[in-house]
């Protein structure tokens, strides 16, 4: 069986509320499952989320989805109940009230125990999708994924130093920055208002311009060998049209701002390949027709005495062809 490689979802956000409660893990897994089933990539996934209702009072939902264009405008929310026994009509009535008070037209209800026929009838009338999350057998997962662990690459990155190359008249000058001041907000980004700048740090430049840029991230990580030892890696960002500016004094006058031509990062990187044992296996069903929507497995690892999770999802199967997705979360 060939290796399965997936990339996580960079637009997936989890609340830090009650992280020690086991039922929160169910919400996170369902938020991840539903994010892949939305059939679109231009979305943000929040779990949990506090959304103002029509009178401005915050209402907590277990998961919510918004578009990249307007992250504050939610188009669907999800409520989850991890209890024994089927859910009846009263819970669906509560969700109908939440739809109206939140002004969100689309909702999904997820139960670990199923739904009564009365609940199914009412939900169908009100266009509320019903899902069921149930444990999946290891035998069914092994039909498409044999190992009992999920491999992952964990890269530890340490910026040792950085050089900022700026243009001062006909010459290029170097302003070195060591590890201690890479977090200082001494990089200025121009705003839409004349002579006004937004201060950011070198570490943010690295995180956004390299690690959150898919092409630059792949190029950078490809030069880091896998192993337990740290390796020296150099990466640079060039600016053909200057977009960043260096604050050379406390004054923000025009004379104290000079265009940056390039930023060079000197990195100590350690890339390790780990195998995390699978701790949870689930199937995700349509509660109305019992059709299988997805299968999900979640492996647990401990980082800094805190549990973290890596998942793999198989979904949207058609004539034997299925899509794969996954995410790393805590």
Protein backbone atom coordinates (compact mmCIF):
# COMPACT_ATOMS: atom_id res chain seq x y z
CA UNK A 1 0.00 0.00 0.00
CA UNK A 2 1.50 3.39 -0.96
CA UNK A 3 2.09 6.14 1.56
CA UNK A 4 -0.79 8.53 2.13
CA UNK A 5 0.29 12.13 2.39
CA UNK A 6 -2.11 14.88 3.43
CA UNK A 7 -1.78 18.54 4.29
CA UNK A 8 -3.67 20.07 7.18
CA UNK A 9 -6.25 22.82 6.97
CA UNK A 10 -4.69 26.21 7.70
CA UNK A 11 -8.12 27.81 8.15
CA UNK A 12 -9.14 25.56 11.04
CA UNK A 13 -9.41 27.26 14.45
CA UNK A 14 -10.22 25.70 17.81
CA UNK A 15 -11.19 27.51 20.97
CA UNK A 16 -9.07 26.99 24.08
CA UNK A 17 -12.18 26.75 26.26
CA UNK A 18 -12.38 23.60 28.39
CA UNK A 19 -9.52 21.90 26.53
CA UNK A 20 -9.31 19.24 29.24
CA UNK A 21 -12.89 18.10 28.71
CA UNK A 22 -13.07 14.95 26.63
CA UNK A 23 -16.32 15.99 24.97
CA UNK A 24 -14.52 18.92 23.36
CA UNK A 25 -12.48 16.46 21.30
CA UNK A 26 -15.71 15.20 19.74
CA UNK A 27 -16.60 18.75 18.71
CA UNK A 28 -13.19 19.30 17.14
CA UNK A 29 -13.37 16.06 15.17
CA UNK A 30 -16.86 16.89 13.92
CA UNK A 31 -15.82 20.44 13.01
CA UNK A 32 -12.98 18.94 10.96
CA UNK A 33 -15.26 16.37 9.31
CA UNK A 34 -17.85 18.97 8.40
CA UNK A 35 -15.23 21.37 7.04
CA UNK A 36 -14.28 18.77 4.41
CA UNK A 37 -17.93 18.00 3.62
CA UNK A 38 -18.79 21.63 2.84
CA UNK A 39 -17.48 21.13 -0.71
CA UNK A 40 -15.54 24.40 -0.77
CA UNK A 41 -12.05 25.57 0.14
CA UNK A 42 -12.72 29.27 0.71
CA UNK A 43 -13.94 28.87 4.28
CA UNK A 44 -12.90 29.32 7.89
CA UNK A 45 -13.84 26.63 10.42
CA UNK A 46 -14.30 27.67 14.05
CA UNK A 47 -14.88 25.34 17.02
CA UNK A 48 -16.28 26.46 19.30
CA UNK A 49 -17.65 29.89 18.31
CA UNK A 50 -19.55 32.64 20.12
CA UNK A 51 -21.84 34.42 17.66
CA UNK A 52 -23.98 37.48 18.53
CA UNK A 53 -27.71 36.90 18.10
CA UNK A 54 -30.21 39.46 16.79
CA UNK A 55 -30.05 41.49 20.03
CA UNK A 56 -26.26 41.24 20.39
CA UNK A 57 -26.05 38.53 23.04
CA UNK A 58 -23.28 35.98 22.34
CA UNK A 59 -24.49 32.45 21.64
CA UNK A 60 -22.04 29.56 21.70
CA UNK A 61 -22.19 26.94 18.96
CA UNK A 62 -20.00 23.88 18.71
CA UNK A 63 -18.75 24.68 15.20
CA UNK A 64 -19.33 27.45 12.67
CA UNK A 65 -18.29 28.17 9.10
CA UNK A 66 -17.63 31.47 7.37
CA UNK A 67 -16.04 32.49 4.08
CA UNK A 68 -12.52 33.82 3.62
CA UNK A 69 -13.94 37.02 2.14
CA UNK A 70 -15.91 37.84 5.31
CA UNK A 71 -14.84 35.78 8.35
CA UNK A 72 -17.44 37.48 10.58
CA UNK A 73 -20.39 36.34 8.43
CA UNK A 74 -21.30 32.74 9.28
CA UNK A 75 -23.26 30.64 6.79
CA UNK A 76 -23.63 27.37 8.77
CA UNK A 77 -23.32 26.21 12.36
CA UNK A 78 -23.13 22.78 13.97
CA UNK A 79 -24.35 21.58 17.36
CA UNK A 80 -23.10 18.32 18.88
CA UNK A 81 -24.47 16.04 21.58
CA UNK A 82 -22.31 13.16 22.80
CA UNK A 83 -24.82 11.26 24.93
CA UNK A 84 -26.23 7.78 25.20
CA UNK A 85 -29.61 7.27 23.61
CA UNK A 86 -31.34 8.97 20.70
CA UNK A 87 -32.01 12.70 20.52
CA UNK A 88 -35.66 13.71 20.31
CA UNK A 89 -37.64 16.58 18.87
CA UNK A 90 -36.93 19.09 21.74
CA UNK A 91 -33.26 19.44 20.75
CA UNK A 92 -34.21 20.09 17.12
CA UNK A 93 -36.65 22.76 18.32
CA UNK A 94 -33.79 24.43 20.21
CA UNK A 95 -31.65 24.48 17.06
CA UNK A 96 -34.55 25.98 15.06
CA UNK A 97 -34.68 28.79 17.61
CA UNK A 98 -30.93 29.29 17.35
CA UNK A 99 -31.15 29.51 13.55
CA UNK A 100 -33.68 32.30 13.83
CA UNK A 101 -31.98 34.23 16.63
CA UNK A 102 -28.53 34.01 14.99
CA UNK A 103 -29.79 34.80 11.51
CA UNK A 104 -27.98 31.76 10.08
CA UNK A 105 -30.10 29.77 7.67
CA UNK A 106 -28.17 26.48 7.61
CA UNK A 107 -27.56 24.19 10.58
CA UNK A 108 -26.34 20.67 11.28
CA UNK A 109 -27.11 18.54 14.34
CA UNK A 110 -24.74 15.71 15.26
CA UNK A 111 -25.48 12.98 17.79
CA UNK A 112 -23.49 9.99 18.96
CA UNK A 113 -26.70 8.07 19.69
CA UNK A 114 -28.93 8.83 16.71
CA UNK A 115 -32.28 10.60 16.40
CA UNK A 116 -35.92 9.72 16.93
CA UNK A 117 -38.26 9.67 13.96
CA UNK A 118 -40.01 12.78 15.30
CA UNK A 119 -36.66 14.58 15.35
CA UNK A 120 -35.88 13.42 11.81
CA UNK A 121 -39.28 14.60 10.51
CA UNK A 122 -38.94 18.04 12.07
CA UNK A 123 -35.33 18.49 10.97
CA UNK A 124 -36.20 17.56 7.40
CA UNK A 125 -39.01 20.14 7.38
CA UNK A 126 -36.66 22.85 8.71
CA UNK A 127 -33.69 21.97 6.44
CA UNK A 128 -31.47 20.88 9.33
CA UNK A 129 -28.92 18.21 8.41
CA UNK A 130 -28.66 15.28 10.83
CA UNK A 131 -25.42 13.35 11.31
CA UNK A 132 -24.38 10.47 13.54
CA UNK A 133 -20.83 9.88 14.81
CA UNK A 134 -20.16 6.28 15.79
CA UNK A 135 -17.08 4.17 16.55
CA UNK A 136 -15.61 2.38 13.53
CA UNK A 137 -13.92 -1.01 13.63
CA UNK A 138 -10.22 -1.36 13.01
CA UNK A 139 -11.03 -3.99 10.37
CA UNK A 140 -13.03 -1.51 8.28
CA UNK A 141 -10.27 1.10 8.53
CA UNK A 142 -7.64 -1.46 7.48
CA UNK A 143 -9.49 -2.00 4.20
CA UNK A 144 -7.83 1.22 3.03
CA UNK A 145 -5.22 2.04 5.74
CA UNK A 146 -3.19 -0.85 7.19
CA UNK A 147 -0.89 0.67 9.87
CA UNK A 148 -1.96 1.10 13.49
CA UNK A 149 -0.26 4.48 13.65
CA UNK A 150 -0.23 7.72 11.69
CA UNK A 151 3.18 8.96 10.65
CA UNK A 152 3.91 12.63 10.91
CA UNK A 153 6.82 14.95 10.41
CA UNK A 154 7.51 17.35 13.23
CA UNK A 155 9.91 20.18 12.44
CA UNK A 156 11.42 22.27 15.22
CA UNK A 157 12.58 25.64 13.91
CA UNK A 158 14.84 28.11 15.68
CA UNK A 159 15.82 31.42 14.07
CA UNK A 160 19.45 31.87 15.07
CA UNK A 161 19.95 35.21 13.39
CA UNK A 162 18.63 37.34 10.58
CA UNK A 163 20.04 39.92 8.17
CA UNK A 164 17.93 42.76 6.84
CA UNK A 165 19.29 44.21 3.60
CA UNK A 166 18.16 47.78 3.05
CA UNK A 167 18.74 50.28 0.30
CA UNK A 168 20.33 53.55 1.39
CA UNK A 169 21.02 55.61 -1.69
CA UNK A 170 23.30 53.77 -4.14
CA UNK A 171 24.41 51.15 -1.56
CA UNK A 172 22.91 48.13 0.18
CA UNK A 173 23.44 47.99 3.95
CA UNK A 174 23.05 45.02 6.27
CA UNK A 175 21.24 45.33 9.60
CA UNK A 176 21.86 42.10 11.58
CA UNK A 177 19.31 40.83 14.09
CA UNK A 178 20.04 37.99 16.50
CA UNK A 179 17.61 35.56 18.08
CA UNK A 180 16.73 37.90 20.93
CA UNK A 181 15.29 40.68 18.78
CA UNK A 182 13.51 38.72 16.04
CA UNK A 183 10.28 39.27 17.99
CA UNK A 184 10.70 43.03 18.25
CA UNK A 185 8.23 45.06 16.22
CA UNK A 186 10.81 47.00 14.21
CA UNK A 187 9.51 46.19 10.73
CA UNK A 188 7.01 48.69 9.38
CA UNK A 189 4.38 47.84 6.79
CA UNK A 190 2.73 50.82 5.06
CA UNK A 191 -1.02 51.20 5.53
CA UNK A 192 -3.55 52.84 3.25
CA UNK A 193 -3.12 56.10 5.14
CA UNK A 194 -0.16 58.25 4.03
CA UNK A 195 2.90 58.13 6.33
CA UNK A 196 1.24 55.57 8.65
CA UNK A 197 2.76 52.14 9.24
CA UNK A 198 1.86 48.92 11.02
CA UNK A 199 4.68 47.45 13.11
CA UNK A 200 5.42 43.72 12.84
CA UNK A 201 8.29 41.47 13.91
CA UNK A 202 10.80 39.43 11.95
CA UNK A 203 9.33 36.23 13.40
CA UNK A 204 5.96 37.22 11.95
CA UNK A 205 7.56 37.86 8.55
CA UNK A 206 9.02 34.34 8.69
CA UNK A 207 5.78 32.72 9.88
CA UNK A 208 3.59 34.44 7.29
CA UNK A 209 5.81 34.96 4.24
CA UNK A 210 7.47 31.54 4.45
CA UNK A 211 5.68 29.06 6.69
CA UNK A 212 2.15 30.06 5.61
CA UNK A 213 3.10 30.34 1.96
CA UNK A 214 2.66 26.80 0.52
CA UNK A 215 5.41 27.03 -2.12
CA UNK A 216 7.98 28.69 0.15
CA UNK A 217 7.15 26.31 3.00
CA UNK A 218 7.65 23.23 0.81
CA UNK A 219 10.89 24.65 -0.58
CA UNK A 220 12.17 25.42 2.91
CA UNK A 221 11.23 22.06 4.48
CA UNK A 222 12.64 20.13 1.50
CA UNK A 223 16.11 21.38 2.47
CA UNK A 224 15.81 20.07 6.05
CA UNK A 225 17.04 16.45 6.33
CA UNK A 226 14.98 14.04 8.42
CA UNK A 227 16.76 12.95 11.58
CA UNK A 228 17.34 13.75 15.23
CA UNK A 229 20.12 16.28 14.64
CA UNK A 230 19.65 19.99 13.99
CA UNK A 231 20.68 21.32 10.59
CA UNK A 232 21.60 24.81 9.47
CA UNK A 233 19.27 26.15 6.80
CA UNK A 234 19.30 29.57 5.15
CA UNK A 235 16.28 31.09 3.44
CA UNK A 236 15.70 34.56 2.04
CA UNK A 237 12.84 36.77 0.90
CA UNK A 238 13.47 39.31 -1.82
CA UNK A 239 11.26 42.31 -2.47
CA UNK A 240 11.32 43.58 -6.04
CA UNK A 241 8.82 46.26 -5.13
CA UNK A 242 9.60 47.30 -1.54
CA UNK A 243 6.72 46.39 0.75
CA UNK A 244 8.43 46.48 4.13
CA UNK A 245 10.29 49.26 5.83
CA UNK A 246 12.84 49.37 8.63
CA UNK A 247 12.38 51.71 11.56
CA UNK A 248 15.86 53.01 12.29
CA UNK A 249 14.85 55.34 15.11
CA UNK A 250 11.92 56.01 17.39
CA UNK A 251 10.80 58.76 15.05
CA UNK A 252 8.44 57.73 12.26
CA UNK A 253 9.48 60.56 9.97
CA UNK A 254 10.04 59.83 6.30
CA UNK A 255 13.84 60.07 6.77
CA UNK A 256 13.84 57.20 9.33
CA UNK A 257 12.13 54.73 7.01
CA UNK A 258 14.22 52.93 4.39
CA UNK A 259 13.10 50.29 1.88
CA UNK A 260 14.06 46.68 2.49
CA UNK A 261 15.45 44.74 -0.47
CA UNK A 262 15.73 41.34 1.21
CA UNK A 263 15.50 39.51 4.52
CA UNK A 264 17.77 36.51 5.10
CA UNK A 265 16.97 34.03 7.88
CA UNK A 266 19.59 31.67 9.35
CA UNK A 267 17.72 28.72 10.84
CA UNK A 268 18.55 25.72 13.01
CA UNK A 269 15.95 23.10 12.02
CA UNK A 270 15.26 19.61 13.31
CA UNK A 271 12.84 17.43 11.32
CA UNK A 272 11.70 14.22 13.00
CA UNK A 273 9.44 11.51 11.62
CA UNK A 274 7.16 10.11 14.29
CA UNK A 275 4.53 7.39 14.35
CA UNK A 276 1.58 8.24 16.59
CA UNK A 277 -0.65 5.30 17.61
CA UNK A 278 -4.26 5.51 16.45
CA UNK A 279 -6.48 6.12 19.49
CA UNK A 280 -9.88 6.79 17.88
CA UNK A 281 -11.67 5.42 14.80
CA UNK A 282 -15.04 6.74 13.71
CA UNK A 283 -17.63 6.56 10.96
CA UNK A 284 -19.77 9.56 10.11
CA UNK A 285 -23.29 8.80 8.89
CA UNK A 286 -26.28 10.58 7.41
CA UNK A 287 -28.93 10.04 10.10
CA UNK A 288 -31.80 9.99 7.60
CA UNK A 289 -30.66 7.29 5.16
CA UNK A 290 -27.77 5.77 7.16
CA UNK A 291 -25.35 6.47 4.29
CA UNK A 292 -21.67 6.68 5.26
CA UNK A 293 -20.29 10.16 4.69
CA UNK A 294 -16.76 9.69 6.01
CA UNK A 295 -14.37 7.62 8.07
CA UNK A 296 -11.95 9.24 10.48
CA UNK A 297 -9.04 8.09 12.61
CA UNK A 298 -7.24 10.16 15.20
CA UNK A 299 -3.82 9.51 16.72
CA UNK A 300 -2.72 11.00 20.02
CA UNK A 301 0.71 12.31 20.90
CA UNK A 302 1.96 14.23 23.91
CA UNK A 303 3.91 17.44 23.40
CA UNK A 304 4.98 19.35 26.50
CA UNK A 305 2.68 17.21 28.69
CA UNK A 306 -0.29 18.30 26.58
CA UNK A 307 -2.28 15.95 24.32
CA UNK A 308 -2.18 16.76 20.63
CA UNK A 309 -3.87 14.99 17.76
CA UNK A 310 -3.20 14.14 14.14
CA UNK A 311 -6.10 12.93 12.03
CA UNK A 312 -6.77 11.30 8.69
CA UNK A 313 -10.18 11.46 6.96
CA UNK A 314 -11.58 9.48 4.03
CA UNK A 315 -14.69 11.08 2.56
CA UNK A 316 -16.83 11.70 -0.56
CA UNK A 317 -16.42 8.19 -1.91
CA UNK A 318 -17.83 7.61 -5.39
CA UNK A 319 -17.38 4.38 -7.37
CA UNK A 320 -14.43 3.38 -5.21
CA UNK A 321 -12.69 6.75 -5.50
CA UNK A 322 -12.40 8.70 -2.25
CA UNK A 323 -10.93 11.99 -1.13
CA UNK A 324 -8.45 12.25 1.73
CA UNK A 325 -7.91 15.01 4.22
CA UNK A 326 -6.40 15.57 7.62
CA UNK A 327 -5.22 18.02 10.23
CA UNK A 328 -2.93 18.41 13.22
CA UNK A 329 -4.60 20.02 16.24
CA UNK A 330 -4.50 20.25 19.99
